[in-house]
Protein backbone atom coordinates (compact mmCIF):
# COMPACT_ATOMS: atom_id res chain seq x y z
CA UNK A 1 -5.80 7.52 -23.07
CA UNK A 2 -5.20 6.26 -19.61
CA UNK A 3 -2.77 3.74 -19.89
CA UNK A 4 -0.11 4.01 -17.01
CA UNK A 5 -1.07 4.49 -13.56
CA UNK A 6 -4.37 6.18 -12.34
CA UNK A 7 -5.44 6.61 -8.74
CA UNK A 8 -9.05 5.46 -7.59
CA UNK A 9 -9.05 8.86 -5.34
CA UNK A 10 -10.26 8.69 -2.08
CA UNK A 11 -12.77 11.93 -1.20
CA UNK A 12 -11.29 13.49 2.06
CA UNK A 13 -13.56 14.64 4.80
CA UNK A 14 -13.73 16.69 7.53
CA UNK A 15 -14.47 15.61 11.27
CA UNK A 16 -17.79 16.88 10.39
CA UNK A 17 -18.06 14.31 7.38
CA UNK A 18 -18.05 16.80 4.80
CA UNK A 19 -16.04 17.19 1.76
CA UNK A 20 -12.38 18.59 2.59
CA UNK A 21 -11.62 20.65 -0.33
CA UNK A 22 -8.30 21.66 0.99
CA UNK A 23 -7.34 18.15 1.33
CA UNK A 24 -8.91 17.05 -1.69
CA UNK A 25 -6.65 19.67 -3.62
CA UNK A 26 -3.42 18.71 -1.66
CA UNK A 27 -4.08 14.91 -2.58
CA UNK A 28 -4.64 16.04 -6.23
CA UNK A 29 -1.12 17.96 -6.17
CA UNK A 30 0.73 14.90 -4.44
CA UNK A 31 -0.65 12.25 -7.07
CA UNK A 32 0.80 14.44 -9.83
CA UNK A 33 4.35 15.49 -8.09
CA UNK A 34 4.74 11.62 -7.76
CA UNK A 35 4.33 10.74 -11.32
CA UNK A 36 0.55 9.67 -11.55
CA UNK A 37 -0.81 9.61 -15.24
CA UNK A 38 -4.60 9.66 -14.31
CA UNK A 39 -6.79 10.60 -11.60
CA UNK A 40 -10.22 9.02 -11.15
CA UNK A 41 -12.62 10.72 -8.44
CA UNK A 42 -15.87 9.70 -7.61
CA UNK A 43 -15.46 5.93 -7.74
CA UNK A 44 -16.07 3.23 -4.89
CA UNK A 45 -13.05 4.27 -3.27
CA UNK A 46 -13.99 7.58 -3.36
CA UNK A 47 -17.27 6.58 -1.67
CA UNK A 48 -19.39 7.73 -4.45
CA UNK A 49 -22.54 5.75 -3.14
CA UNK A 50 -22.60 7.94 -0.15
CA UNK A 51 -22.51 11.52 -1.84
CA UNK A 52 -25.55 13.54 -3.31
CA UNK A 53 -25.45 14.18 -6.90
CA UNK A 54 -24.15 17.82 -5.83
CA UNK A 55 -21.43 16.76 -3.96
CA UNK A 56 -20.53 14.20 -6.63
CA UNK A 57 -20.28 16.87 -9.41
CA UNK A 58 -18.37 19.02 -7.02
CA UNK A 59 -15.51 16.58 -6.33
CA UNK A 60 -14.96 16.20 -9.90
CA UNK A 61 -14.73 19.96 -10.34
CA UNK A 62 -12.53 20.40 -7.94
CA UNK A 63 -9.89 17.74 -9.41
CA UNK A 64 -10.39 19.11 -12.79
CA UNK A 65 -9.83 22.55 -11.51
CA UNK A 66 -6.53 21.53 -9.28
CA UNK A 67 -5.24 18.95 -12.06
CA UNK A 68 -2.31 20.65 -14.08
CA UNK A 69 -0.90 17.43 -15.89
CA UNK A 70 -2.66 14.50 -15.08
CA UNK A 71 -5.89 13.22 -17.00
CA UNK A 72 -9.13 13.04 -15.27
CA UNK A 73 -11.29 9.94 -15.58
CA UNK A 74 -14.09 11.04 -13.47
CA UNK A 75 -16.60 8.34 -11.84
CA UNK A 76 -19.82 8.58 -13.34
CA UNK A 77 -21.69 5.19 -13.31
CA UNK A 78 -25.13 4.10 -11.62
CA UNK A 79 -27.33 1.23 -11.60
CA UNK A 80 -29.71 3.40 -13.55
CA UNK A 81 -28.83 4.26 -17.11
CA UNK A 82 -30.46 7.55 -16.91
CA UNK A 83 -28.46 8.67 -13.81
CA UNK A 84 -25.37 7.25 -15.50
CA UNK A 85 -25.93 9.37 -18.56
CA UNK A 86 -26.70 12.38 -16.45
CA UNK A 87 -23.68 12.37 -14.71
CA UNK A 88 -21.61 11.33 -17.59
CA UNK A 89 -22.80 14.46 -19.52
CA UNK A 90 -22.34 16.75 -16.33
CA UNK A 91 -18.53 15.33 -15.95
CA UNK A 92 -17.61 15.90 -19.46
CA UNK A 93 -19.10 19.47 -19.41
CA UNK A 94 -16.98 20.09 -16.46
CA UNK A 95 -13.68 19.29 -18.40
CA UNK A 96 -13.11 15.59 -17.18
CA UNK A 97 -11.33 13.64 -19.97
CA UNK A 98 -13.27 10.47 -20.04
CA UNK A 99 -15.57 8.63 -17.53
CA UNK A 100 -15.00 5.61 -15.58
CA UNK A 101 -18.52 3.73 -15.68
CA UNK A 102 -19.57 0.93 -13.27
CA UNK A 103 -21.60 -2.07 -14.62
CA UNK A 104 -25.12 -1.82 -13.15
CA UNK A 105 -25.27 -3.03 -9.63
CA UNK A 106 -27.97 -4.43 -7.51
CA UNK A 107 -30.28 -4.87 -10.30
CA UNK A 108 -28.23 -8.01 -12.15
CA UNK A 109 -29.07 -7.36 -15.99
CA UNK A 110 -28.73 -9.75 -18.61
CA UNK A 111 -25.69 -9.28 -20.83
CA UNK A 112 -28.00 -7.75 -23.48
CA UNK A 113 -29.27 -5.14 -20.66
CA UNK A 114 -25.38 -4.46 -19.68
CA UNK A 115 -24.90 -3.60 -23.64
CA UNK A 116 -27.96 -1.32 -24.16
CA UNK A 117 -27.09 0.33 -20.63
CA UNK A 118 -23.49 1.54 -22.30
CA UNK A 119 -24.70 2.07 -25.76
CA UNK A 120 -26.93 4.39 -24.19
CA UNK A 121 -24.07 6.13 -22.51
CA UNK A 122 -21.79 6.10 -25.84
CA UNK A 123 -24.56 7.81 -27.72
CA UNK A 124 -25.16 10.51 -25.30
CA UNK A 125 -21.78 11.79 -24.77
CA UNK A 126 -18.79 12.86 -27.21
CA UNK A 127 -15.96 11.29 -24.75
CA UNK A 128 -14.01 8.14 -23.80
CA UNK A 129 -15.99 5.81 -21.71
CA UNK A 130 -13.72 3.08 -19.56
CA UNK A 131 -16.29 0.14 -18.59
CA UNK A 132 -15.45 -0.82 -15.06
CA UNK A 133 -16.25 -4.65 -14.63
CA UNK A 134 -16.29 -5.48 -10.83
CA UNK A 135 -18.69 -8.52 -10.14
CA UNK A 136 -17.92 -8.84 -6.75
CA UNK A 137 -19.84 -5.25 -6.22
CA UNK A 138 -22.09 -5.41 -8.83
CA UNK A 139 -23.71 -9.05 -9.00
CA UNK A 140 -22.84 -9.44 -12.54
CA UNK A 141 -19.93 -9.99 -15.06
CA UNK A 142 -19.81 -8.14 -18.05
CA UNK A 143 -18.54 -11.28 -20.51
CA UNK A 144 -15.88 -11.12 -22.94
CA UNK A 145 -18.33 -11.52 -25.86
CA UNK A 146 -20.22 -8.38 -24.47
CA UNK A 147 -16.87 -6.42 -23.99
CA UNK A 148 -15.55 -7.29 -27.31
CA UNK A 149 -19.15 -6.01 -28.63
CA UNK A 150 -19.06 -2.89 -26.64
CA UNK A 151 -15.56 -2.43 -27.84
CA UNK A 152 -17.05 -1.50 -31.05
CA UNK A 153 -18.80 1.41 -30.17
CA UNK A 154 -17.01 4.42 -30.90
CA UNK A 155 -16.81 5.67 -27.43
CA UNK A 156 -15.90 2.74 -25.56
CA UNK A 157 -12.08 3.13 -24.91
CA UNK A 158 -11.44 0.57 -22.70
CA UNK A 159 -11.92 -1.52 -19.37
CA UNK A 160 -11.24 -1.17 -15.97
CA UNK A 161 -11.34 -5.27 -15.10
CA UNK A 162 -11.97 -6.12 -11.64
CA UNK A 163 -13.15 -9.71 -11.81
CA UNK A 164 -9.81 -11.30 -10.66
CA UNK A 165 -10.23 -13.84 -13.45
CA UNK A 166 -7.12 -13.84 -15.63
CA UNK A 167 -8.68 -16.19 -17.84
CA UNK A 168 -11.23 -14.01 -18.66
CA UNK A 169 -8.85 -11.16 -19.00
CA UNK A 170 -6.30 -12.57 -21.10
CA UNK A 171 -9.05 -13.33 -23.67
CA UNK A 172 -10.18 -9.69 -23.72
CA UNK A 173 -6.15 -8.73 -24.37
CA UNK A 174 -6.46 -11.29 -27.21
CA UNK A 175 -9.29 -10.21 -29.20
CA UNK A 176 -9.57 -6.59 -28.12
CA UNK A 177 -9.72 -4.21 -31.21
CA UNK A 178 -6.38 -1.74 -31.76
CA UNK A 179 -6.72 0.91 -28.90
CA UNK A 180 -8.89 -0.37 -26.61
CA UNK A 181 -7.29 -0.53 -23.42
CA UNK A 182 -7.49 -2.77 -20.74
CA UNK A 183 -6.71 -1.68 -16.89
CA UNK A 184 -6.05 -3.76 -13.90
CA UNK A 185 -8.72 -3.08 -11.00
CA UNK A 186 -6.57 -4.87 -8.55
CA UNK A 187 -3.42 -3.50 -7.52
CA UNK A 188 -2.09 -7.02 -6.67
CA UNK A 189 -2.84 -8.47 -10.18
CA UNK A 190 -1.15 -5.49 -11.94
CA UNK A 191 2.26 -6.90 -12.86
CA UNK A 192 0.68 -10.34 -14.19
CA UNK A 193 -2.20 -7.90 -16.14
CA UNK A 194 0.57 -5.98 -17.97
CA UNK A 195 2.90 -8.87 -18.58
CA UNK A 196 0.00 -10.45 -20.54
CA UNK A 197 -0.42 -7.29 -22.59
CA UNK A 198 -2.37 -5.04 -20.33
CA UNK A 199 -1.94 -1.13 -20.17
CA UNK A 200 -1.87 0.07 -16.68
CA UNK A 201 -3.75 0.02 -13.12
CA UNK A 202 -6.58 1.91 -11.45
CA UNK A 203 -5.05 1.74 -8.04
CA UNK A 204 -6.05 2.14 -4.50
CA UNK A 205 -2.70 1.80 -3.23
CA UNK A 206 -1.35 4.67 -5.22
CA UNK A 207 -3.25 7.01 -3.16
CA UNK A 208 -0.57 6.59 -0.33
CA UNK A 209 2.59 5.04 -2.80
CA UNK A 210 2.05 7.16 -6.08
CA UNK A 211 5.57 7.39 -6.64
CA UNK A 212 6.10 3.29 -5.93
CA UNK A 213 3.23 2.18 -8.03
CA UNK A 214 4.34 4.64 -10.76
CA UNK A 215 7.64 3.11 -11.11
CA UNK A 216 6.17 -0.40 -10.85
CA UNK A 217 3.81 -0.11 -13.68
CA UNK A 218 6.08 2.27 -15.60
CA UNK A 219 8.81 -0.53 -15.43
CA UNK A 220 6.44 -3.33 -16.27
CA UNK A 221 5.45 -1.40 -19.45
CA UNK A 222 8.96 -0.87 -20.37
CA UNK A 223 9.86 -4.64 -19.89
CA UNK A 224 12.06 -3.97 -17.32
CA UNK A 225 10.59 -6.62 -15.14
CA UNK A 226 13.27 -7.61 -12.18
CA UNK A 227 12.73 -3.81 -11.21
CA UNK A 228 8.84 -4.22 -11.65
CA UNK A 229 9.16 -7.47 -9.71
CA UNK A 230 11.06 -5.88 -6.85
CA UNK A 231 8.54 -3.19 -6.55
CA UNK A 232 5.96 -5.60 -6.94
CA UNK A 233 7.21 -7.48 -3.64
CA UNK A 234 7.79 -4.59 -1.53
CA UNK A 235 3.83 -3.34 -2.15
CA UNK A 236 2.54 -7.01 -1.83
CA UNK A 237 1.74 -7.04 2.03
CA UNK A 238 0.27 -3.45 1.37
CA UNK A 239 -2.03 -4.76 -1.40
CA UNK A 240 -3.69 -7.12 0.69
CA UNK A 241 -3.77 -5.12 4.06
CA UNK A 242 -5.68 -2.14 2.08
CA UNK A 243 -8.71 -4.83 1.85
CA UNK A 244 -8.64 -6.33 5.49
CA UNK A 245 -11.81 -4.66 5.75
CA UNK A 246 -14.33 -3.02 2.57
CA UNK A 247 -12.35 -0.70 0.78
CA UNK A 248 -12.21 2.60 1.34
CA UNK A 249 -11.92 1.94 4.98
CA UNK A 250 -8.39 0.86 5.22
CA UNK A 251 -7.02 3.47 2.59
CA UNK A 252 -8.66 6.09 4.27
CA UNK A 253 -6.94 5.33 7.80
CA UNK A 254 -3.64 5.31 6.11
CA UNK A 255 -4.39 8.60 4.14
CA UNK A 256 -5.37 10.39 7.47
CA UNK A 257 -1.94 9.06 8.54
CA UNK A 258 -0.61 10.92 5.85
CA UNK A 259 -2.18 14.25 6.57
CA UNK A 260 -5.20 13.54 3.83
CA UNK A 261 -8.83 14.08 5.85
CA UNK A 262 -10.13 12.23 8.53
CA UNK A 263 -10.19 8.57 8.72
CA UNK A 264 -14.11 8.33 9.22
CA UNK A 265 -15.74 7.18 6.21
CA UNK A 266 -19.89 7.75 5.71
CA UNK A 267 -22.37 5.08 7.22
CA UNK A 268 -22.79 2.31 6.48
CA UNK A 269 -18.69 2.16 6.22
CA UNK A 270 -17.25 2.53 9.50
CA UNK A 271 -13.99 3.56 10.83
CA UNK A 272 -11.13 0.74 10.65
CA UNK A 273 -11.15 -1.68 13.68
CA UNK A 274 -8.65 -2.33 16.18
CA UNK A 275 -7.78 -5.68 14.35
CA UNK A 276 -7.77 -3.60 10.85
CA UNK A 277 -5.01 -1.48 12.38
CA UNK A 278 -3.16 -4.28 13.73
CA UNK A 279 -2.87 -5.55 10.37
CA UNK A 280 -1.96 -2.49 8.73
CA UNK A 281 0.22 -0.35 10.99
CA UNK A 282 3.47 -3.17 11.23
CA UNK A 283 3.26 -2.89 7.08
CA UNK A 284 3.22 1.23 7.20
CA UNK A 285 5.78 1.33 9.41
CA UNK A 286 8.01 -1.29 7.38
CA UNK A 287 7.38 1.05 4.47
CA UNK A 288 8.58 4.57 6.70
CA UNK A 289 5.06 5.67 6.51
CA UNK A 290 4.12 5.73 10.19
CA UNK A 291 4.64 9.06 11.92
CA UNK A 292 6.79 8.84 14.83
């Protein structure tokens, strides 16, 4: 369902730190006009951790309402299974096509706990669930064995893999059942992952470069690896620079340059530092993205 290019949307805020609905709606349209297949509101890039439940669900509802072509994969994870179920139910009721559910963070559950967490969500909603494995943020890894066990559940439709472990990712691709999608959670590893048989990406970079990311992924998936490598090389400096400080600090700075909300994230995240700007600005200029 979610193969291709998905954008992990920022949540634009105004100067007072409130949700900028007008900018969010323009962002959705900008993504669709540039070929993005799936919109992912309220993930890590969307600052879901700093939003209230009311704000979280409002952002999802705005994206669902504004989207005319792209699918909506709503961020609905939590380290509390009950909360994850609640957010997942609400997102599907609002019209989302599926949910992206991060593995429980901070609490460091066992592999059995991870399995039972996702099974509970699987049993409570009738919609596709994409597991989000990002050990660097959660403190625990979803093992290949657990992933394959999850893949047998009827609503577990795939994984966003951000472990950075290509050996693990390749094992998942090799062992997965038919229809189980493997999506990159690292922009810089998207081309290698697709080359191994993966299905696409949930991208931070596509917030600002949706056309280039869509073209790179489409080229890779259609085996036009010459073009895919050219686009990958063009975007590679940006991939790295967008993580010069914690995501989404850098991408919010870039998107503010493009007119999508304020560059100020919510505390405890802080605005991009002078050093961060010195890294990113020359790259934006080289890509023709810096206003004169």
